[in-house]
């Protein structure tokens, strides 16, 4: 492409840079969408298939070359939430798995900002929270609700899968 004036050359350069940035955004979107689609294709009879697909997808998107790097990337998410680098070992991987869902379904900035707000609120009320988690029936109820949530997600996946097979 020939450019007649220096001003036009500058405009062309900025347009090319914008096109490059847009291409990177679309490529990332497509990669996230592909990995998220893998979660949707998991056989609902496979009890841990969604977890394996989530880890595989999150690892692929992270750019990490090994689990230590993968964990370190997740620790960066922890720092974003907690404001410190004291990420418990292994928790960074779980945050990376959550981030796959966040990237593909939610407003990332809003989600992580809300997570930081909730974290600060819970830390500010540390003593009442500690007292709460010491209550045996509350812990049992929490575990039960977590199981019910997982069951509801599986039911939603089944409904979604059968609904799209018509």
Foldseek 3Di string as FASTA:
>chain_A
DDDDDPVRVVVVVVVVVVVVVVVVVVVLLVLLVVLVVCLLPFDLVPPCSNVVSLLVSLVVSQPDPDVVVQLVCLLVLVCLQAVDSPDPPPVRSVSSSVVSCCVNPHDNVVVSVVSNVVVVVCVVVVVVVVVQVVDVVSVVVVVVVVVVVVVVVSVVSVCVVVVVVD
